[in-house]
Structures are given as structure tokens and as C-alpha cells.
Amino acid sequence: MKLKEGGILGKIKPETIRKRVKDSLIEQLKSKGADVDIFTDQINDYMAMWDLKESLKADIEKNGLRMMYKTANGGKAEKDNPSVKQLPAVNKQMLMLLKQMEISTDNAVRKGGGKGDDL
């Protein structure tokens, strides 16, 4: 994967990144001969968590680590952004699902069947 401005995935549209991630997961299952309904469904679960992760990251970028809110008496107060706590939990679940499907950097297959790190 080529480096882009802003990091590996840089300025690529989120829907393009999403498609690449899903296609890569499907490729990993195909290489194992495990592209059956139960695992395809797990990929859909993984992608739902991916969407949630991206939403949490966007919320943190928009609102910051702490955010203002109105209190019951009409005043303003600051509190931790709940997305900051939720993001690592979602990432952990995503990693657990990859582990369940036995997809890791140790056994990743590049598109077309060759070993590599194109996850």
C-alpha cells in the first residue's frame, strides 16, 4: 500500500478505505478456503464495528477529548467525551474477531494469493 499525505491511508475517501478493508478480509478467508456464510457474516460484523470505530474517531475529532454540556439547572459543564472510552473497546472487539477468523500479520495473503501485509 502506498503512503499518502497524512499517513498510509491519508486522504482516501472513507468509503474507498471501507471497501478495501472488506475486500481484504474476504481475500483472507478465500485464501484459507473459509469463505462460507458463517465467516462472511463475521466479516459483516467486523465492518459494522469498523463503521462504529470511524464514527467514534469523527466524534473525537469534532468534539475533542472533553466536551461541554448543559446541566439540569441550565448551566454549562465539561465532561469526558464518551467516545474516547468507547474507541479502545471497539478496537479490542475488532481484534478479537480477527483472531477468531485467524487473520493476522503472520498469515496475511496479498490480493492474488501471495503472502504479504496488505490488510
PDB file of N, CA and C in Angstrom:
ATOM      1  N   MET A   1       0.851  -1.170   0.000  1.00  0.00           N
ATOM      2  CA  MET A   1       0.000   0.000   0.000  1.00  0.00           C
ATOM      3  C   MET A   1       0.893   1.227   0.000  1.00  0.00           C
ATOM      4  N   LYS A   2       0.591   2.167  -0.841  1.00  0.00           N
ATOM      5  CA  LYS A   2       1.400   3.372  -0.963  1.00  0.00           C
ATOM      6  C   LYS A   2       1.090   4.356   0.154  1.00  0.00           C
ATOM      7  N   LEU A   3       2.138   5.087   0.561  1.00  0.00           N
ATOM      8  CA  LEU A   3       1.944   6.132   1.561  1.00  0.00           C
ATOM      9  C   LEU A   3       1.292   7.337   0.909  1.00  0.00           C
ATOM     10  N   LYS A   4       0.348   7.900   1.558  1.00  0.00           N
ATOM     11  CA  LYS A   4      -0.342   9.109   1.091  1.00  0.00           C
ATOM     12  C   LYS A   4      -0.117  10.211   2.095  1.00  0.00           C
ATOM     13  N   GLU A   5      -0.379  11.444   1.673  1.00  0.00           N
ATOM     14  CA  GLU A   5      -0.287  12.564   2.600  1.00  0.00           C
ATOM     15  C   GLU A   5      -1.198  12.293   3.783  1.00  0.00           C
ATOM     16  N   GLY A   6      -0.664  12.458   4.990  1.00  0.00           N
ATOM     17  CA  GLY A   6      -1.470  12.234   6.182  1.00  0.00           C
ATOM     18  C   GLY A   6      -1.389  10.810   6.708  1.00  0.00           C
ATOM     19  N   GLY A   7      -0.483   9.992   6.165  1.00  0.00           N
ATOM     20  CA  GLY A   7      -0.334   8.632   6.669  1.00  0.00           C
ATOM     21  C   GLY A   7      -0.581   7.611   5.580  1.00  0.00           C
ATOM     22  N   ILE A   8      -0.667   6.361   5.965  1.00  0.00           N
ATOM     23  CA  ILE A   8      -0.821   5.280   4.999  1.00  0.00           C
ATOM     24  C   ILE A   8      -2.098   5.444   4.193  1.00  0.00           C
ATOM     25  N   LEU A   9      -3.196   5.737   4.861  1.00  0.00           N
ATOM     26  CA  LEU A   9      -4.470   5.846   4.152  1.00  0.00           C
ATOM     27  C   LEU A   9      -4.804   7.289   3.798  1.00  0.00           C
ATOM     28  N   GLY A  10      -4.102   8.252   4.381  1.00  0.00           N
ATOM     29  CA  GLY A  10      -4.157   9.658   4.006  1.00  0.00           C
ATOM     30  C   GLY A  10      -5.518  10.205   3.651  1.00  0.00           C
ATOM     31  N   LYS A  11      -5.614  10.759   2.462  1.00  0.00           N
ATOM     32  CA  LYS A  11      -6.808  11.482   2.023  1.00  0.00           C
ATOM     33  C   LYS A  11      -7.753  10.638   1.179  1.00  0.00           C
ATOM     34  N   ILE A  12      -7.656   9.340   1.285  1.00  0.00           N
ATOM     35  CA  ILE A  12      -8.545   8.454   0.540  1.00  0.00           C
ATOM     36  C   ILE A  12      -9.940   8.542   1.156  1.00  0.00           C
ATOM     37  N   LYS A  13     -10.967   8.502   0.317  1.00  0.00           N
ATOM     38  CA  LYS A  13     -12.345   8.585   0.810  1.00  0.00           C
ATOM     39  C   LYS A  13     -12.645   7.416   1.741  1.00  0.00           C
ATOM     40  N   PRO A  14     -13.386   7.684   2.822  1.00  0.00           N
ATOM     41  CA  PRO A  14     -13.707   6.604   3.781  1.00  0.00           C
ATOM     42  C   PRO A  14     -14.397   5.408   3.129  1.00  0.00           C
ATOM     43  N   GLU A  15     -15.271   5.638   2.161  1.00  0.00           N
ATOM     44  CA  GLU A  15     -15.962   4.513   1.529  1.00  0.00           C
ATOM     45  C   GLU A  15     -14.996   3.644   0.711  1.00  0.00           C
ATOM     46  N   THR A  16     -13.932   4.264   0.189  1.00  0.00           N
ATOM     47  CA  THR A  16     -12.905   3.506  -0.536  1.00  0.00           C
ATOM     48  C   THR A  16     -12.106   2.656   0.442  1.00  0.00           C
ATOM     49  N   ILE A  17     -11.732   3.248   1.564  1.00  0.00           N
ATOM     50  CA  ILE A  17     -10.998   2.503   2.588  1.00  0.00           C
ATOM     51  C   ILE A  17     -11.847   1.346   3.087  1.00  0.00           C
ATOM     52  N   ARG A  18     -13.136   1.610   3.335  1.00  0.00           N
ATOM     53  CA  ARG A  18     -14.041   0.570   3.831  1.00  0.00           C
ATOM     54  C   ARG A  18     -14.094  -0.602   2.862  1.00  0.00           C
ATOM     55  N   LYS A  19     -14.237  -0.288   1.571  1.00  0.00           N
ATOM     56  CA  LYS A  19     -14.302  -1.343   0.555  1.00  0.00           C
ATOM     57  C   LYS A  19     -13.004  -2.138   0.519  1.00  0.00           C
ATOM     58  N   ARG A  20     -11.873  -1.461   0.622  1.00  0.00           N
ATOM     59  CA  ARG A  20     -10.577  -2.153   0.613  1.00  0.00           C
ATOM     60  C   ARG A  20     -10.432  -3.069   1.818  1.00  0.00           C
ATOM     61  N   VAL A  21     -10.854  -2.604   2.973  1.00  0.00           N
ATOM     62  CA  VAL A  21     -10.768  -3.422   4.184  1.00  0.00           C
ATOM     63  C   VAL A  21     -11.640  -4.665   4.027  1.00  0.00           C
ATOM     64  N   LYS A  22     -12.878  -4.479   3.604  1.00  0.00           N
ATOM     65  CA  LYS A  22     -13.789  -5.625   3.448  1.00  0.00           C
ATOM     66  C   LYS A  22     -13.266  -6.594   2.393  1.00  0.00           C
ATOM     67  N   ASP A  23     -12.812  -6.059   1.261  1.00  0.00           N
ATOM     68  CA  ASP A  23     -12.276  -6.924   0.207  1.00  0.00           C
ATOM     69  C   ASP A  23     -11.059  -7.709   0.703  1.00  0.00           C
ATOM     70  N   SER A  24     -10.220  -7.050   1.495  1.00  0.00           N
ATOM     71  CA  SER A  24      -9.041  -7.712   2.040  1.00  0.00           C
ATOM     72  C   SER A  24      -9.434  -8.849   2.987  1.00  0.00           C
ATOM     73  N   LEU A  25     -10.424  -8.608   3.828  1.00  0.00           N
ATOM     74  CA  LEU A  25     -10.893  -9.662   4.736  1.00  0.00           C
ATOM     75  C   LEU A  25     -11.451 -10.847   3.953  1.00  0.00           C
ATOM     76  N   ILE A  26     -12.212 -10.559   2.919  1.00  0.00           N
ATOM     77  CA  ILE A  26     -12.771 -11.631   2.086  1.00  0.00           C
ATOM     78  C   ILE A  26     -11.644 -12.413   1.427  1.00  0.00           C
ATOM     79  N   GLU A  27     -10.634 -11.701   0.939  1.00  0.00           N
ATOM     80  CA  GLU A  27      -9.473 -12.351   0.321  1.00  0.00           C
ATOM     81  C   GLU A  27      -8.767 -13.274   1.318  1.00  0.00           C
ATOM     82  N   GLN A  28      -8.657 -12.833   2.576  1.00  0.00           N
ATOM     83  CA  GLN A  28      -8.010 -13.658   3.602  1.00  0.00           C
ATOM     84  C   GLN A  28      -8.793 -14.955   3.803  1.00  0.00           C
ATOM     85  N   LEU A  29     -10.119 -14.858   3.855  1.00  0.00           N
ATOM     86  CA  LEU A  29     -10.940 -16.065   4.031  1.00  0.00           C
ATOM     87  C   LEU A  29     -10.835 -16.984   2.821  1.00  0.00           C
ATOM     88  N   LYS A  30     -10.863 -16.391   1.614  1.00  0.00           N
ATOM     89  CA  LYS A  30     -10.751 -17.205   0.396  1.00  0.00           C
ATOM     90  C   LYS A  30      -9.442 -17.977   0.392  1.00  0.00           C
ATOM     91  N   SER A  31      -8.364 -17.330   0.810  1.00  0.00           N
ATOM     92  CA  SER A  31      -7.057 -17.991   0.801  1.00  0.00           C
ATOM     93  C   SER A  31      -7.013 -19.181   1.751  1.00  0.00           C
ATOM     94  N   LYS A  32      -7.883 -19.178   2.753  1.00  0.00           N
ATOM     95  CA  LYS A  32      -7.960 -20.270   3.725  1.00  0.00           C
ATOM     96  C   LYS A  32      -9.022 -21.300   3.325  1.00  0.00           C
ATOM     97  N   GLY A  33      -9.769 -21.001   2.249  1.00  0.00           N
ATOM     98  CA  GLY A  33     -10.882 -21.874   1.889  1.00  0.00           C
ATOM     99  C   GLY A  33     -12.025 -21.749   2.869  1.00  0.00           C
ATOM    100  N   ALA A  34     -12.109 -20.593   3.539  1.00  0.00           N
ATOM    101  CA  ALA A  34     -13.105 -20.400   4.593  1.00  0.00           C
ATOM    102  C   ALA A  34     -14.131 -19.335   4.229  1.00  0.00           C
ATOM    103  N   ASP A  35     -14.318 -19.070   2.942  1.00  0.00           N
ATOM    104  CA  ASP A  35     -15.285 -18.055   2.533  1.00  0.00           C
ATOM    105  C   ASP A  35     -16.686 -18.670   2.456  1.00  0.00           C
ATOM    106  N   VAL A  36     -17.191 -19.022   3.633  1.00  0.00           N
ATOM    107  CA  VAL A  36     -18.523 -19.605   3.775  1.00  0.00           C
ATOM    108  C   VAL A  36     -19.392 -18.628   4.559  1.00  0.00           C
ATOM    109  N   ASP A  37     -20.691 -18.871   4.543  1.00  0.00           N
ATOM    110  CA  ASP A  37     -21.654 -17.920   5.094  1.00  0.00           C
ATOM    111  C   ASP A  37     -21.349 -17.470   6.526  1.00  0.00           C
ATOM    112  N   ILE A  38     -20.995 -18.387   7.399  1.00  0.00           N
ATOM    113  CA  ILE A  38     -20.778 -18.020   8.796  1.00  0.00           C
ATOM    114  C   ILE A  38     -19.639 -17.014   8.933  1.00  0.00           C
ATOM    115  N   PHE A  39     -18.577 -17.204   8.160  1.00  0.00           N
ATOM    116  CA  PHE A  39     -17.437 -16.288   8.251  1.00  0.00           C
ATOM    117  C   PHE A  39     -17.695 -15.002   7.473  1.00  0.00           C
ATOM    118  N   THR A  40     -18.463 -15.099   6.403  1.00  0.00           N
ATOM    119  CA  THR A  40     -18.855 -13.893   5.680  1.00  0.00           C
ATOM    120  C   THR A  40     -19.698 -13.006   6.585  1.00  0.00           C
ATOM    121  N   ASP A  41     -20.547 -13.624   7.381  1.00  0.00           N
ATOM    122  CA  ASP A  41     -21.345 -12.876   8.350  1.00  0.00           C
ATOM    123  C   ASP A  41     -20.447 -12.214   9.392  1.00  0.00           C
ATOM    124  N   GLN A  42     -19.396 -12.904   9.811  1.00  0.00           N
ATOM    125  CA  GLN A  42     -18.454 -12.305  10.760  1.00  0.00           C
ATOM    126  C   GLN A  42     -17.745 -11.099  10.141  1.00  0.00           C
ATOM    127  N   ILE A  43     -17.478 -11.161   8.844  1.00  0.00           N
ATOM    128  CA  ILE A  43     -16.889 -10.001   8.167  1.00  0.00           C
ATOM    129  C   ILE A  43     -17.866  -8.842   8.210  1.00  0.00           C
ATOM    130  N   ASN A  44     -19.147  -9.117   8.019  1.00  0.00           N
ATOM    131  CA  ASN A  44     -20.155  -8.055   8.105  1.00  0.00           C
ATOM    132  C   ASN A  44     -20.191  -7.457   9.513  1.00  0.00           C
ATOM    133  N   ASP A  45     -20.062  -8.303  10.530  1.00  0.00           N
ATOM    134  CA  ASP A  45     -19.983  -7.810  11.914  1.00  0.00           C
ATOM    135  C   ASP A  45     -18.744  -6.937  12.093  1.00  0.00           C
ATOM    136  N   TYR A  46     -17.622  -7.392  11.556  1.00  0.00           N
ATOM    137  CA  TYR A  46     -16.382  -6.624  11.651  1.00  0.00           C
ATOM    138  C   TYR A  46     -16.563  -5.256  10.989  1.00  0.00           C
ATOM    139  N   MET A  47     -17.206  -5.228   9.835  1.00  0.00           N
ATOM    140  CA  MET A  47     -17.389  -3.965   9.122  1.00  0.00           C
ATOM    141  C   MET A  47     -18.352  -3.042   9.867  1.00  0.00           C
ATOM    142  N   ALA A  48     -19.329  -3.599  10.569  1.00  0.00           N
ATOM    143  CA  ALA A  48     -20.209  -2.768  11.402  1.00  0.00           C
ATOM    144  C   ALA A  48     -19.390  -2.122  12.519  1.00  0.00           C
ATOM    145  N   MET A  49     -18.467  -2.905  13.098  1.00  0.00           N
ATOM    146  CA  MET A  49     -17.593  -2.337  14.128  1.00  0.00           C
ATOM    147  C   MET A  49     -16.635  -1.310  13.513  1.00  0.00           C
ATOM    148  N   TRP A  50     -16.195  -1.552  12.288  1.00  0.00           N
ATOM    149  CA  TRP A  50     -15.329  -0.593  11.598  1.00  0.00           C
ATOM    150  C   TRP A  50     -16.065   0.739  11.419  1.00  0.00           C
ATOM    151  N   ASP A  51     -17.335   0.663  11.002  1.00  0.00           N
ATOM    152  CA  ASP A  51     -18.148   1.881  10.847  1.00  0.00           C
ATOM    153  C   ASP A  51     -18.278   2.612  12.181  1.00  0.00           C
ATOM    154  N   LEU A  52     -18.527   1.859  13.244  1.00  0.00           N
ATOM    155  CA  LEU A  52     -18.641   2.449  14.575  1.00  0.00           C
ATOM    156  C   LEU A  52     -17.330   3.110  14.985  1.00  0.00           C
ATOM    157  N   LYS A  53     -16.219   2.445  14.743  1.00  0.00           N
ATOM    158  CA  LYS A  53     -14.894   2.993  15.069  1.00  0.00           C
ATOM    159  C   LYS A  53     -14.670   4.312  14.336  1.00  0.00           C
ATOM    160  N   GLU A  54     -15.023   4.358  13.081  1.00  0.00           N
ATOM    161  CA  GLU A  54     -14.847   5.590  12.303  1.00  0.00           C
ATOM    162  C   GLU A  54     -15.742   6.712  12.840  1.00  0.00           C
ATOM    163  N   SER A  55     -16.959   6.375  13.263  1.00  0.00           N
ATOM    164  CA  SER A  55     -17.859   7.369  13.860  1.00  0.00           C
ATOM    165  C   SER A  55     -17.300   7.899  15.171  1.00  0.00           C
ATOM    166  N   LEU A  56     -16.744   7.009  15.985  1.00  0.00           N
ATOM    167  CA  LEU A  56     -16.150   7.427  17.252  1.00  0.00           C
ATOM    168  C   LEU A  56     -14.953   8.347  17.011  1.00  0.00           C
ATOM    169  N   LYS A  57     -14.123   7.998  16.037  1.00  0.00           N
ATOM    170  CA  LYS A  57     -12.973   8.841  15.710  1.00  0.00           C
ATOM    171  C   LYS A  57     -13.426  10.215  15.224  1.00  0.00           C
ATOM    172  N   ALA A  58     -14.477  10.248  14.402  1.00  0.00           N
ATOM    173  CA  ALA A  58     -15.003  11.527  13.905  1.00  0.00           C
ATOM    174  C   ALA A  58     -15.557  12.363  15.048  1.00  0.00           C
ATOM    175  N   ASP A  59     -16.236  11.719  16.003  1.00  0.00           N
ATOM    176  CA  ASP A  59     -16.773  12.435  17.152  1.00  0.00           C
ATOM    177  C   ASP A  59     -15.647  13.028  17.994  1.00  0.00           C
ATOM    178  N   ILE A  60     -14.595  12.278  18.199  1.00  0.00           N
ATOM    179  CA  ILE A  60     -13.455  12.781  18.973  1.00  0.00           C
ATOM    180  C   ILE A  60     -12.800  13.946  18.242  1.00  0.00           C
ATOM    181  N   GLU A  61     -12.667  13.814  16.931  1.00  0.00           N
ATOM    182  CA  GLU A  61     -12.071  14.907  16.150  1.00  0.00           C
ATOM    183  C   GLU A  61     -12.939  16.158  16.223  1.00  0.00           C
ATOM    184  N   LYS A  62     -14.252  15.984  16.170  1.00  0.00           N
ATOM    185  CA  LYS A  62     -15.184  17.124  16.192  1.00  0.00           C
ATOM    186  C   LYS A  62     -15.287  17.745  17.589  1.00  0.00           C
ATOM    187  N   ASN A  63     -15.456  16.916  18.606  1.00  0.00           N
ATOM    188  CA  ASN A  63     -15.753  17.411  19.952  1.00  0.00           C
ATOM    189  C   ASN A  63     -14.568  17.418  20.905  1.00  0.00           C
ATOM    190  N   GLY A  64     -13.475  16.773  20.529  1.00  0.00           N
ATOM    191  CA  GLY A  64     -12.305  16.735  21.385  1.00  0.00           C
ATOM    192  C   GLY A  64     -12.414  15.669  22.460  1.00  0.00           C
ATOM    193  N   LEU A  65     -11.396  15.651  23.310  1.00  0.00           N
ATOM    194  CA  LEU A  65     -11.355  14.663  24.389  1.00  0.00           C
ATOM    195  C   LEU A  65     -12.361  14.978  25.486  1.00  0.00           C
ATOM    196  N   ARG A  66     -12.649  16.257  25.648  1.00  0.00           N
ATOM    197  CA  ARG A  66     -13.645  16.701  26.627  1.00  0.00           C
ATOM    198  C   ARG A  66     -14.658  17.558  25.897  1.00  0.00           C
ATOM    199  N   MET A  67     -15.891  17.594  26.390  1.00  0.00           N
ATOM    200  CA  MET A  67     -16.948  18.353  25.715  1.00  0.00           C
ATOM    201  C   MET A  67     -17.825  19.090  26.719  1.00  0.00           C
ATOM    202  N   MET A  68     -18.402  20.152  26.240  1.00  0.00           N
ATOM    203  CA  MET A  68     -19.300  20.950  27.073  1.00  0.00           C
ATOM    204  C   MET A  68     -20.720  20.396  26.958  1.00  0.00           C
ATOM    205  N   TYR A  69     -21.460  20.493  28.040  1.00  0.00           N
ATOM    206  CA  TYR A  69     -22.861  20.094  28.014  1.00  0.00           C
ATOM    207  C   TYR A  69     -23.638  20.985  28.972  1.00  0.00           C
ATOM    208  N   LYS A  70     -24.967  21.034  28.751  1.00  0.00           N
ATOM    209  CA  LYS A  70     -25.833  21.820  29.634  1.00  0.00           C
ATOM    210  C   LYS A  70     -26.237  20.980  30.832  1.00  0.00           C
ATOM    211  N   THR A  71     -26.152  21.579  31.990  1.00  0.00           N
ATOM    212  CA  THR A  71     -26.565  20.893  33.215  1.00  0.00           C
ATOM    213  C   THR A  71     -28.078  21.039  33.386  1.00  0.00           C
ATOM    214  N   ALA A  72     -28.636  20.318  34.339  1.00  0.00           N
ATOM    215  CA  ALA A  72     -30.079  20.357  34.587  1.00  0.00           C
ATOM    216  C   ALA A  72     -30.553  21.753  34.988  1.00  0.00           C
ATOM    217  N   ASN A  73     -29.701  22.528  35.625  1.00  0.00           N
ATOM    218  CA  ASN A  73     -30.114  23.872  36.041  1.00  0.00           C
ATOM    219  C   ASN A  73     -29.794  24.939  34.986  1.00  0.00           C
ATOM    220  N   GLY A  74     -29.420  24.507  33.774  1.00  0.00           N
ATOM    221  CA  GLY A  74     -29.187  25.451  32.677  1.00  0.00           C
ATOM    222  C   GLY A  74     -27.762  25.955  32.553  1.00  0.00           C
ATOM    223  N   GLY A  75     -26.904  25.569  33.465  1.00  0.00           N
ATOM    224  CA  GLY A  75     -25.504  25.973  33.383  1.00  0.00           C
ATOM    225  C   GLY A  75     -24.737  25.097  32.407  1.00  0.00           C
ATOM    226  N   LYS A  76     -23.468  25.384  32.270  1.00  0.00           N
ATOM    227  CA  LYS A  76     -22.618  24.591  31.397  1.00  0.00           C
ATOM    228  C   LYS A  76     -21.545  23.907  32.230  1.00  0.00           C
ATOM    229  N   ALA A  77     -21.195  22.718  31.809  1.00  0.00           N
ATOM    230  CA  ALA A  77     -20.140  21.968  32.481  1.00  0.00           C
ATOM    231  C   ALA A  77     -19.369  21.183  31.424  1.00  0.00           C
ATOM    232  N   GLU A  78     -18.219  20.707  31.804  1.00  0.00           N
ATOM    233  CA  GLU A  78     -17.374  19.939  30.897  1.00  0.00           C
ATOM    234  C   GLU A  78     -17.327  18.497  31.379  1.00  0.00           C
ATOM    235  N   LYS A  79     -17.310  17.571  30.441  1.00  0.00           N
ATOM    236  CA  LYS A  79     -17.198  16.154  30.797  1.00  0.00           C
ATOM    237  C   LYS A  79     -16.333  15.448  29.760  1.00  0.00           C
ATOM    238  N   ASP A  80     -15.858  14.272  30.122  1.00  0.00           N
ATOM    239  CA  ASP A  80     -15.087  13.464  29.187  1.00  0.00           C
ATOM    240  C   ASP A  80     -15.987  13.063  28.016  1.00  0.00           C
ATOM    241  N   ASN A  81     -15.431  13.071  26.827  1.00  0.00           N
ATOM    242  CA  ASN A  81     -16.158  12.598  25.659  1.00  0.00           C
ATOM    243  C   ASN A  81     -16.246  11.072  25.758  1.00  0.00           C
ATOM    244  N   PRO A  82     -17.458  10.508  25.821  1.00  0.00           N
ATOM    245  CA  PRO A  82     -17.587   9.055  25.970  1.00  0.00           C
ATOM    246  C   PRO A  82     -16.966   8.269  24.814  1.00  0.00           C
ATOM    247  N   SER A  83     -16.823   8.898  23.651  1.00  0.00           N
ATOM    248  CA  SER A  83     -16.222   8.217  22.504  1.00  0.00           C
ATOM    249  C   SER A  83     -14.773   7.833  22.771  1.00  0.00           C
ATOM    250  N   VAL A  84     -14.090   8.606  23.622  1.00  0.00           N
ATOM    251  CA  VAL A  84     -12.697   8.317  23.944  1.00  0.00           C
ATOM    252  C   VAL A  84     -12.582   6.976  24.653  1.00  0.00           C
ATOM    253  N   LYS A  85     -13.515   6.674  25.526  1.00  0.00           N
ATOM    254  CA  LYS A  85     -13.508   5.398  26.255  1.00  0.00           C
ATOM    255  C   LYS A  85     -14.011   4.251  25.371  1.00  0.00           C
ATOM    256  N   GLN A  86     -14.962   4.544  24.492  1.00  0.00           N
ATOM    257  CA  GLN A  86     -15.557   3.506  23.660  1.00  0.00           C
ATOM    258  C   GLN A  86     -14.635   3.043  22.532  1.00  0.00           C
ATOM    259  N   LEU A  87     -13.797   3.949  22.021  1.00  0.00           N
ATOM    260  CA  LEU A  87     -12.941   3.611  20.878  1.00  0.00           C
ATOM    261  C   LEU A  87     -12.015   2.422  21.153  1.00  0.00           C
ATOM    262  N   PRO A  88     -11.264   2.415  22.258  1.00  0.00           N
ATOM    263  CA  PRO A  88     -10.415   1.236  22.506  1.00  0.00           C
ATOM    264  C   PRO A  88     -11.215  -0.049  22.694  1.00  0.00           C
ATOM    265  N   ALA A  89     -12.399   0.039  23.250  1.00  0.00           N
ATOM    266  CA  ALA A  89     -13.234  -1.154  23.439  1.00  0.00           C
ATOM    267  C   ALA A  89     -13.664  -1.728  22.085  1.00  0.00           C
ATOM    268  N   VAL A  90     -14.024  -0.856  21.166  1.00  0.00           N
ATOM    269  CA  VAL A  90     -14.421  -1.312  19.830  1.00  0.00           C
ATOM    270  C   VAL A  90     -13.211  -1.914  19.114  1.00  0.00           C
ATOM    271  N   ASN A  91     -12.060  -1.243  19.210  1.00  0.00           N
ATOM    272  CA  ASN A  91     -10.838  -1.779  18.592  1.00  0.00           C
ATOM    273  C   ASN A  91     -10.514  -3.164  19.141  1.00  0.00           C
ATOM    274  N   LYS A  92     -10.667  -3.347  20.436  1.00  0.00           N
ATOM    275  CA  LYS A  92     -10.393  -4.638  21.060  1.00  0.00           C
ATOM    276  C   LYS A  92     -11.316  -5.719  20.487  1.00  0.00           C
ATOM    277  N   GLN A  93     -12.594  -5.397  20.343  1.00  0.00           N
ATOM    278  CA  GLN A  93     -13.547  -6.363  19.779  1.00  0.00           C
ATOM    279  C   GLN A  93     -13.191  -6.698  18.331  1.00  0.00           C
ATOM    280  N   MET A  94     -12.753  -5.695  17.581  1.00  0.00           N
ATOM    281  CA  MET A  94     -12.355  -5.933  16.191  1.00  0.00           C
ATOM    282  C   MET A  94     -11.164  -6.884  16.136  1.00  0.00           C
ATOM    283  N   LEU A  95     -10.186  -6.670  17.013  1.00  0.00           N
ATOM    284  CA  LEU A  95      -9.016  -7.543  17.051  1.00  0.00           C
ATOM    285  C   LEU A  95      -9.399  -8.964  17.459  1.00  0.00           C
ATOM    286  N   MET A  96     -10.337  -9.078  18.387  1.00  0.00           N
ATOM    287  CA  MET A  96     -10.801 -10.403  18.815  1.00  0.00           C
ATOM    288  C   MET A  96     -11.474 -11.142  17.660  1.00  0.00           C
ATOM    289  N   LEU A  97     -12.242 -10.424  16.860  1.00  0.00           N
ATOM    290  CA  LEU A  97     -12.912 -11.049  15.723  1.00  0.00           C
ATOM    291  C   LEU A  97     -11.890 -11.497  14.675  1.00  0.00           C
ATOM    292  N   LEU A  98     -10.871 -10.670  14.423  1.00  0.00           N
ATOM    293  CA  LEU A  98      -9.801 -11.083  13.501  1.00  0.00           C
ATOM    294  C   LEU A  98      -9.108 -12.342  14.021  1.00  0.00           C
ATOM    295  N   LYS A  99      -8.856 -12.371  15.321  1.00  0.00           N
ATOM    296  CA  LYS A  99      -8.214 -13.543  15.922  1.00  0.00           C
ATOM    297  C   LYS A  99      -9.093 -14.774  15.745  1.00  0.00           C
ATOM    298  N   GLN A 100     -10.395 -14.612  15.952  1.00  0.00           N
ATOM    299  CA  GLN A 100     -11.346 -15.715  15.788  1.00  0.00           C
ATOM    300  C   GLN A 100     -11.302 -16.271  14.362  1.00  0.00           C
ATOM    301  N   MET A 101     -11.126 -15.375  13.385  1.00  0.00           N
ATOM    302  CA  MET A 101     -11.063 -15.798  11.980  1.00  0.00           C
ATOM    303  C   MET A 101      -9.646 -16.189  11.568  1.00  0.00           C
ATOM    304  N   GLU A 102      -8.706 -16.154  12.545  1.00  0.00           N
ATOM    305  CA  GLU A 102      -7.300 -16.485  12.317  1.00  0.00           C
ATOM    306  C   GLU A 102      -6.692 -15.630  11.208  1.00  0.00           C
ATOM    307  N   ILE A 103      -6.980 -14.320  11.279  1.00  0.00           N
ATOM    308  CA  ILE A 103      -6.398 -13.356  10.345  1.00  0.00           C
ATOM    309  C   ILE A 103      -5.413 -12.510  11.137  1.00  0.00           C
ATOM    310  N   SER A 104      -4.151 -12.575  10.747  1.00  0.00           N
ATOM    311  CA  SER A 104      -3.119 -11.808  11.443  1.00  0.00           C
ATOM    312  C   SER A 104      -2.028 -11.410  10.460  1.00  0.00           C
ATOM    313  N   THR A 105      -1.116 -10.584  10.920  1.00  0.00           N
ATOM    314  CA  THR A 105       0.009 -10.187  10.078  1.00  0.00           C
ATOM    315  C   THR A 105       0.913 -11.376   9.775  1.00  0.00           C
ATOM    316  N   ASP A 106       0.878 -12.401  10.614  1.00  0.00           N
ATOM    317  CA  ASP A 106       1.704 -13.592  10.393  1.00  0.00           C
ATOM    318  C   ASP A 106       1.237 -14.420   9.205  1.00  0.00           C
ATOM    319  N   ASN A 107      -0.060 -14.337   8.888  1.00  0.00           N
ATOM    320  CA  ASN A 107      -0.562 -15.197   7.824  1.00  0.00           C
ATOM    321  C   ASN A 107      -1.374 -14.435   6.772  1.00  0.00           C
ATOM    322  N   ALA A 108      -1.157 -13.142   6.662  1.00  0.00           N
ATOM    323  CA  ALA A 108      -1.901 -12.340   5.683  1.00  0.00           C
ATOM    324  C   ALA A 108      -1.495 -12.720   4.263  1.00  0.00           C
ATOM    325  N   VAL A 109      -2.471 -12.697   3.370  1.00  0.00           N
ATOM    326  CA  VAL A 109      -2.252 -13.009   1.965  1.00  0.00           C
ATOM    327  C   VAL A 109      -2.592 -11.780   1.147  1.00  0.00           C
ATOM    328  N   ARG A 110      -1.681 -11.420   0.251  1.00  0.00           N
ATOM    329  CA  ARG A 110      -1.936 -10.288  -0.645  1.00  0.00           C
ATOM    330  C   ARG A 110      -2.980 -10.678  -1.681  1.00  0.00           C
ATOM    331  N   LYS A 111      -3.645  -9.662  -2.220  1.00  0.00           N
ATOM    332  CA  LYS A 111      -4.617  -9.899  -3.293  1.00  0.00           C
ATOM    333  C   LYS A 111      -3.933 -10.681  -4.391  1.00  0.00           C
ATOM    334  N   GLY A 112      -4.553 -11.721  -4.851  1.00  0.00           N
ATOM    335  CA  GLY A 112      -3.953 -12.549  -5.860  1.00  0.00           C
ATOM    336  C   GLY A 112      -3.282 -13.804  -5.293  1.00  0.00           C
ATOM    337  N   GLY A 113      -3.239 -13.902  -3.944  1.00  0.00           N
ATOM    338  CA  GLY A 113      -2.781 -15.138  -3.338  1.00  0.00           C
ATOM    339  C   GLY A 113      -1.410 -15.150  -2.726  1.00  0.00           C
ATOM    340  N   GLY A 114      -0.582 -14.117  -2.928  1.00  0.00           N
ATOM    341  CA  GLY A 114       0.757 -14.113  -2.353  1.00  0.00           C
ATOM    342  C   GLY A 114       0.774 -13.668  -0.914  1.00  0.00           C
ATOM    343  N   LYS A 115       1.731 -14.192  -0.145  1.00  0.00           N
ATOM    344  CA  LYS A 115       1.875 -13.765   1.253  1.00  0.00           C
ATOM    345  C   LYS A 115       2.311 -12.315   1.290  1.00  0.00           C
ATOM    346  N   GLY A 116       1.833 -11.563   2.297  1.00  0.00           N
ATOM    347  CA  GLY A 116       2.205 -10.168   2.432  1.00  0.00           C
ATOM    348  C   GLY A 116       1.518  -9.536   3.608  1.00  0.00           C
ATOM    349  N   ASP A 117       1.502  -8.203   3.632  1.00  0.00           N
ATOM    350  CA  ASP A 117       0.919  -7.474   4.764  1.00  0.00           C
ATOM    351  C   ASP A 117      -0.139  -6.484   4.306  1.00  0.00           C
ATOM    352  N   ASP A 118      -0.921  -6.837   3.322  1.00  0.00           N
ATOM    353  CA  ASP A 118      -1.898  -5.911   2.740  1.00  0.00           C
ATOM    354  C   ASP A 118      -3.241  -5.981   3.434  1.00  0.00           C
ATOM    355  N   LEU A 119      -3.265  -5.869   4.735  1.00  0.00           N
ATOM    356  CA  LEU A 119      -4.528  -5.890   5.482  1.00  0.00           C
ATOM    357  C   LEU A 119      -5.125  -4.565   5.555  1.00  0.00           C
TER     358      LEU A 119
END
